[in-house]
Amino acid sequence: MRTAAAALLCWIAWIASTGALDPVGLAAGAAASAAAALALRREGAEAGLVLLHPVRLFWALVYLPVLLAFIVRSNLDVARRVIDPRLPIRPGIAKARTTLRSLPARAALANSVTLTPGTMSVDLVGDVLYVHRIWVPEEDPDGATRRELEPFEGLLRRIFE
């Protein structure tokens, strides 16, 4: 039943995004939506319905401006480093252990890091996220990276777990 509900939600999203109301478009959307829901049901398509809970949606709406603020702040930092050659650029990879338990929450964390300029998620192995940074502090690079992830984790936990 949940797979059917996920397929229906995907189909509605298909119609909304394509505007296809002709029989061929509707049939193609239904087929693609059903295939996606069936293929992903073991990987979390059904769990996606849990995200439609109003409290989780509220926290997702809170998360978006927080993420946007980090993106803007990081854009300004990278721009300053490009414009002013005196500012340090010390690229490297740091690791941070995440406290998030679910794979969708960890994936959202990794994607949030990659969306933030100057950083990129390199790998996610278990509960350890490897992050390439434009500037890695000499003292405690892993701790600094871990502290920067904490605001994301708190909100992502409320959304996904």
C-alpha atoms as a PDB file:
ATOM      1  CA  MET A   1       0.000   0.000   0.000  1.00  0.00           C
ATOM      2  CA  ARG A   2       2.810   2.417   0.837  1.00  0.00           C
ATOM      3  CA  THR A   3       4.531   1.673  -2.453  1.00  0.00           C
ATOM      4  CA  ALA A   4       1.312   2.548  -4.261  1.00  0.00           C
ATOM      5  CA  ALA A   5       1.062   5.801  -2.297  1.00  0.00           C
ATOM      6  CA  ALA A   6       4.689   6.632  -3.151  1.00  0.00           C
ATOM      7  CA  ALA A   7       3.984   5.913  -6.828  1.00  0.00           C
ATOM      8  CA  LEU A   8       0.916   8.153  -6.697  1.00  0.00           C
ATOM      9  CA  LEU A   9       2.920  11.005  -5.147  1.00  0.00           C
ATOM     10  CA  CYS A  10       5.609  10.586  -7.805  1.00  0.00           C
ATOM     11  CA  TRP A  11       2.957  10.624 -10.518  1.00  0.00           C
ATOM     12  CA  ILE A  12       1.426  13.820  -9.144  1.00  0.00           C
ATOM     13  CA  ALA A  13       4.909  15.378  -9.081  1.00  0.00           C
ATOM     14  CA  TRP A  14       5.415  14.189 -12.669  1.00  0.00           C
ATOM     15  CA  ILE A  15       2.209  15.842 -13.816  1.00  0.00           C
ATOM     16  CA  ALA A  16       2.996  19.046 -11.932  1.00  0.00           C
ATOM     17  CA  SER A  17       6.523  19.283 -13.310  1.00  0.00           C
ATOM     18  CA  THR A  18       5.817  18.277 -16.927  1.00  0.00           C
ATOM     19  CA  GLY A  19       2.292  19.601 -17.376  1.00  0.00           C
ATOM     20  CA  ALA A  20       1.626  16.517 -19.485  1.00  0.00           C
ATOM     21  CA  LEU A  21      -2.107  15.898 -19.506  1.00  0.00           C
ATOM     22  CA  ASP A  22      -2.265  13.965 -22.775  1.00  0.00           C
ATOM     23  CA  PRO A  23      -2.830  10.186 -22.536  1.00  0.00           C
ATOM     24  CA  VAL A  24       0.709   9.306 -23.604  1.00  0.00           C
ATOM     25  CA  GLY A  25       2.270  11.725 -21.106  1.00  0.00           C
ATOM     26  CA  LEU A  26       0.037  10.511 -18.283  1.00  0.00           C
ATOM     27  CA  ALA A  27       0.813   6.870 -19.105  1.00  0.00           C
ATOM     28  CA  ALA A  28       4.555   7.531 -19.304  1.00  0.00           C
ATOM     29  CA  GLY A  29       4.443   9.343 -15.969  1.00  0.00           C
ATOM     30  CA  ALA A  30       2.460   6.542 -14.357  1.00  0.00           C
ATOM     31  CA  ALA A  31       4.879   3.915 -15.651  1.00  0.00           C
ATOM     32  CA  ALA A  32       7.968   5.858 -14.570  1.00  0.00           C
ATOM     33  CA  SER A  33       6.458   6.602 -11.152  1.00  0.00           C
ATOM     34  CA  ALA A  34       5.494   2.992 -10.555  1.00  0.00           C
ATOM     35  CA  ALA A  35       8.929   1.773 -11.647  1.00  0.00           C
ATOM     36  CA  ALA A  36      10.673   4.267  -9.364  1.00  0.00           C
ATOM     37  CA  ALA A  37       8.507   3.380  -6.372  1.00  0.00           C
ATOM     38  CA  LEU A  38       9.072  -0.346  -6.914  1.00  0.00           C
ATOM     39  CA  ALA A  39      12.803   0.002  -7.499  1.00  0.00           C
ATOM     40  CA  LEU A  40      13.369   2.222  -4.483  1.00  0.00           C
ATOM     41  CA  ARG A  41      10.990   0.685  -1.980  1.00  0.00           C
ATOM     42  CA  ARG A  42      13.830  -1.165  -0.249  1.00  0.00           C
ATOM     43  CA  GLU A  43      16.011   1.959  -0.326  1.00  0.00           C
ATOM     44  CA  GLY A  44      13.566   4.331   1.249  1.00  0.00           C
ATOM     45  CA  ALA A  45      10.786   5.243  -1.183  1.00  0.00           C
ATOM     46  CA  GLU A  46       8.274   4.206   1.446  1.00  0.00           C
ATOM     47  CA  ALA A  47      10.242   6.025   4.123  1.00  0.00           C
ATOM     48  CA  GLY A  48       9.816   9.149   2.014  1.00  0.00           C
ATOM     49  CA  LEU A  49       6.158   9.173   2.991  1.00  0.00           C
ATOM     50  CA  VAL A  50       7.239   9.658   6.601  1.00  0.00           C
ATOM     51  CA  LEU A  51       8.766  12.972   5.530  1.00  0.00           C
ATOM     52  CA  LEU A  52       5.291  14.244   4.705  1.00  0.00           C
ATOM     53  CA  HIS A  53       4.507  14.470   8.416  1.00  0.00           C
ATOM     54  CA  PRO A  54       3.724  18.126   9.260  1.00  0.00           C
ATOM     55  CA  VAL A  55       6.353  18.358  12.011  1.00  0.00           C
ATOM     56  CA  ARG A  56       9.065  17.015   9.690  1.00  0.00           C
ATOM     57  CA  LEU A  57       7.948  19.401   6.955  1.00  0.00           C
ATOM     58  CA  PHE A  58       8.171  22.273   9.437  1.00  0.00           C
ATOM     59  CA  TRP A  59      11.775  21.369  10.295  1.00  0.00           C
ATOM     60  CA  ALA A  60      12.590  21.027   6.598  1.00  0.00           C
ATOM     61  CA  LEU A  61      11.300  24.565   6.093  1.00  0.00           C
ATOM     62  CA  VAL A  62      13.465  25.715   9.011  1.00  0.00           C
ATOM     63  CA  TYR A  63      16.476  23.889   7.526  1.00  0.00           C
ATOM     64  CA  LEU A  64      16.319  25.600   4.134  1.00  0.00           C
ATOM     65  CA  PRO A  65      17.114  29.147   5.336  1.00  0.00           C
ATOM     66  CA  VAL A  66      19.832  27.796   7.642  1.00  0.00           C
ATOM     67  CA  LEU A  67      21.431  25.996   4.699  1.00  0.00           C
ATOM     68  CA  LEU A  68      21.025  29.108   2.544  1.00  0.00           C
ATOM     69  CA  ALA A  69      22.737  31.233   5.213  1.00  0.00           C
ATOM     70  CA  PHE A  70      25.697  28.823   5.303  1.00  0.00           C
ATOM     71  CA  ILE A  71      25.875  28.855   1.499  1.00  0.00           C
ATOM     72  CA  VAL A  72      25.916  32.677   1.401  1.00  0.00           C
ATOM     73  CA  ARG A  73      28.511  32.878   4.185  1.00  0.00           C
ATOM     74  CA  SER A  74      30.725  30.345   2.424  1.00  0.00           C
ATOM     75  CA  ASN A  75      30.340  32.137  -0.911  1.00  0.00           C
ATOM     76  CA  LEU A  76      31.574  35.340   0.699  1.00  0.00           C
ATOM     77  CA  ASP A  77      34.495  33.522   2.335  1.00  0.00           C
ATOM     78  CA  VAL A  78      35.583  31.899  -0.936  1.00  0.00           C
ATOM     79  CA  ALA A  79      35.211  35.206  -2.800  1.00  0.00           C
ATOM     80  CA  ARG A  80      37.389  36.952  -0.197  1.00  0.00           C
ATOM     81  CA  ARG A  81      40.046  34.252  -0.536  1.00  0.00           C
ATOM     82  CA  VAL A  82      40.036  34.639  -4.330  1.00  0.00           C
ATOM     83  CA  ILE A  83      40.210  38.434  -4.254  1.00  0.00           C
ATOM     84  CA  ASP A  84      42.761  38.804  -1.446  1.00  0.00           C
ATOM     85  CA  PRO A  85      45.889  36.708  -2.041  1.00  0.00           C
ATOM     86  CA  ARG A  86      46.972  37.240   1.597  1.00  0.00           C
ATOM     87  CA  LEU A  87      44.123  35.077   2.877  1.00  0.00           C
ATOM     88  CA  PRO A  88      45.228  31.481   3.298  1.00  0.00           C
ATOM     89  CA  ILE A  89      44.202  28.641   1.070  1.00  0.00           C
ATOM     90  CA  ARG A  90      45.232  25.340   2.590  1.00  0.00           C
ATOM     91  CA  PRO A  91      43.201  22.628   0.868  1.00  0.00           C
ATOM     92  CA  GLY A  92      42.895  19.225   2.403  1.00  0.00           C
ATOM     93  CA  ILE A  93      40.586  16.477   3.531  1.00  0.00           C
ATOM     94  CA  ALA A  94      39.221  16.312   7.051  1.00  0.00           C
ATOM     95  CA  LYS A  95      36.971  13.699   8.556  1.00  0.00           C
ATOM     96  CA  ALA A  96      34.040  14.110  10.870  1.00  0.00           C
ATOM     97  CA  ARG A  97      32.061  11.444  12.651  1.00  0.00           C
ATOM     98  CA  THR A  98      28.339  12.084  12.347  1.00  0.00           C
ATOM     99  CA  THR A  99      25.762  11.235  14.969  1.00  0.00           C
ATOM    100  CA  LEU A 100      23.015  10.788  12.376  1.00  0.00           C
ATOM    101  CA  ARG A 101      21.784   7.194  12.250  1.00  0.00           C
ATOM    102  CA  SER A 102      19.746   6.936   9.064  1.00  0.00           C
ATOM    103  CA  LEU A 103      21.277   6.772   5.605  1.00  0.00           C
ATOM    104  CA  PRO A 104      18.907   9.424   4.156  1.00  0.00           C
ATOM    105  CA  ALA A 105      19.922  11.840   6.939  1.00  0.00           C
ATOM    106  CA  ARG A 106      23.613  11.154   6.336  1.00  0.00           C
ATOM    107  CA  ALA A 107      23.143  11.601   2.589  1.00  0.00           C
ATOM    108  CA  ALA A 108      21.366  14.927   3.182  1.00  0.00           C
ATOM    109  CA  LEU A 109      24.278  16.013   5.381  1.00  0.00           C
ATOM    110  CA  ALA A 110      26.817  15.065   2.708  1.00  0.00           C
ATOM    111  CA  ASN A 111      24.795  16.907   0.049  1.00  0.00           C
ATOM    112  CA  SER A 112      24.489  19.983   2.269  1.00  0.00           C
ATOM    113  CA  VAL A 113      28.262  20.054   2.691  1.00  0.00           C
ATOM    114  CA  THR A 114      28.774  19.786  -1.064  1.00  0.00           C
ATOM    115  CA  LEU A 115      26.307  22.630  -1.710  1.00  0.00           C
ATOM    116  CA  THR A 116      28.377  24.880   0.552  1.00  0.00           C
ATOM    117  CA  PRO A 117      31.182  26.573  -1.451  1.00  0.00           C
ATOM    118  CA  GLY A 118      34.698  25.734  -0.357  1.00  0.00           C
ATOM    119  CA  THR A 119      33.726  22.271   0.824  1.00  0.00           C
ATOM    120  CA  MET A 120      32.861  19.016  -0.876  1.00  0.00           C
ATOM    121  CA  SER A 121      31.872  15.646   0.518  1.00  0.00           C
ATOM    122  CA  VAL A 122      34.391  13.117  -0.694  1.00  0.00           C
ATOM    123  CA  ASP A 123      33.126   9.933   0.932  1.00  0.00           C
ATOM    124  CA  LEU A 124      30.702   8.685   3.525  1.00  0.00           C
ATOM    125  CA  VAL A 125      31.868   5.491   5.199  1.00  0.00           C
ATOM    126  CA  GLY A 126      29.539   4.338   7.947  1.00  0.00           C
ATOM    127  CA  ASP A 127      29.261   7.281  10.302  1.00  0.00           C
ATOM    128  CA  VAL A 128      32.392   9.073   9.035  1.00  0.00           C
ATOM    129  CA  LEU A 129      32.093  11.856   6.457  1.00  0.00           C
ATOM    130  CA  TYR A 130      35.260  12.870   4.603  1.00  0.00           C
ATOM    131  CA  VAL A 131      35.169  16.515   3.537  1.00  0.00           C
ATOM    132  CA  HIS A 132      37.524  18.315   1.165  1.00  0.00           C
ATOM    133  CA  ARG A 133      37.939  21.892   2.366  1.00  0.00           C
ATOM    134  CA  ILE A 134      39.489  24.957   0.768  1.00  0.00           C
ATOM    135  CA  TRP A 135      41.087  25.790   4.103  1.00  0.00           C
ATOM    136  CA  VAL A 136      41.953  23.142   6.662  1.00  0.00           C
ATOM    137  CA  PRO A 137      43.103  24.523  10.014  1.00  0.00           C
ATOM    138  CA  GLU A 138      46.448  23.202  11.214  1.00  0.00           C
ATOM    139  CA  GLU A 139      45.185  22.503  14.711  1.00  0.00           C
ATOM    140  CA  ASP A 140      42.392  19.945  15.062  1.00  0.00           C
ATOM    141  CA  PRO A 141      41.104  19.921  11.457  1.00  0.00           C
ATOM    142  CA  ASP A 142      38.704  17.054  12.195  1.00  0.00           C
ATOM    143  CA  GLY A 143      37.283  18.828  15.251  1.00  0.00           C
ATOM    144  CA  ALA A 144      36.756  22.054  13.309  1.00  0.00           C
ATOM    145  CA  THR A 145      34.938  20.166  10.576  1.00  0.00           C
ATOM    146  CA  ARG A 146      32.832  18.335  13.159  1.00  0.00           C
ATOM    147  CA  ARG A 147      31.796  21.615  14.815  1.00  0.00           C
ATOM    148  CA  GLU A 148      30.760  23.064  11.444  1.00  0.00           C
ATOM    149  CA  LEU A 149      28.474  20.096  10.792  1.00  0.00           C
ATOM    150  CA  GLU A 150      26.617  20.281  14.117  1.00  0.00           C
ATOM    151  CA  PRO A 151      24.001  22.893  13.068  1.00  0.00           C
ATOM    152  CA  PHE A 152      23.126  20.762  10.045  1.00  0.00           C
ATOM    153  CA  GLU A 153      22.920  17.556  12.061  1.00  0.00           C
ATOM    154  CA  GLY A 154      20.508  18.880  14.658  1.00  0.00           C
ATOM    155  CA  LEU A 155      17.971  19.938  12.054  1.00  0.00           C
ATOM    156  CA  LEU A 156      18.474  16.908   9.818  1.00  0.00           C
ATOM    157  CA  ARG A 157      17.860  14.652  12.802  1.00  0.00           C
ATOM    158  CA  ARG A 158      14.469  16.322  13.318  1.00  0.00           C
ATOM    159  CA  ILE A 159      13.634  15.904   9.635  1.00  0.00           C
ATOM    160  CA  PHE A 160      14.776  12.327   9.023  1.00  0.00           C
ATOM    161  CA  GLU A 161      14.970  10.493  12.361  1.00  0.00           C
END
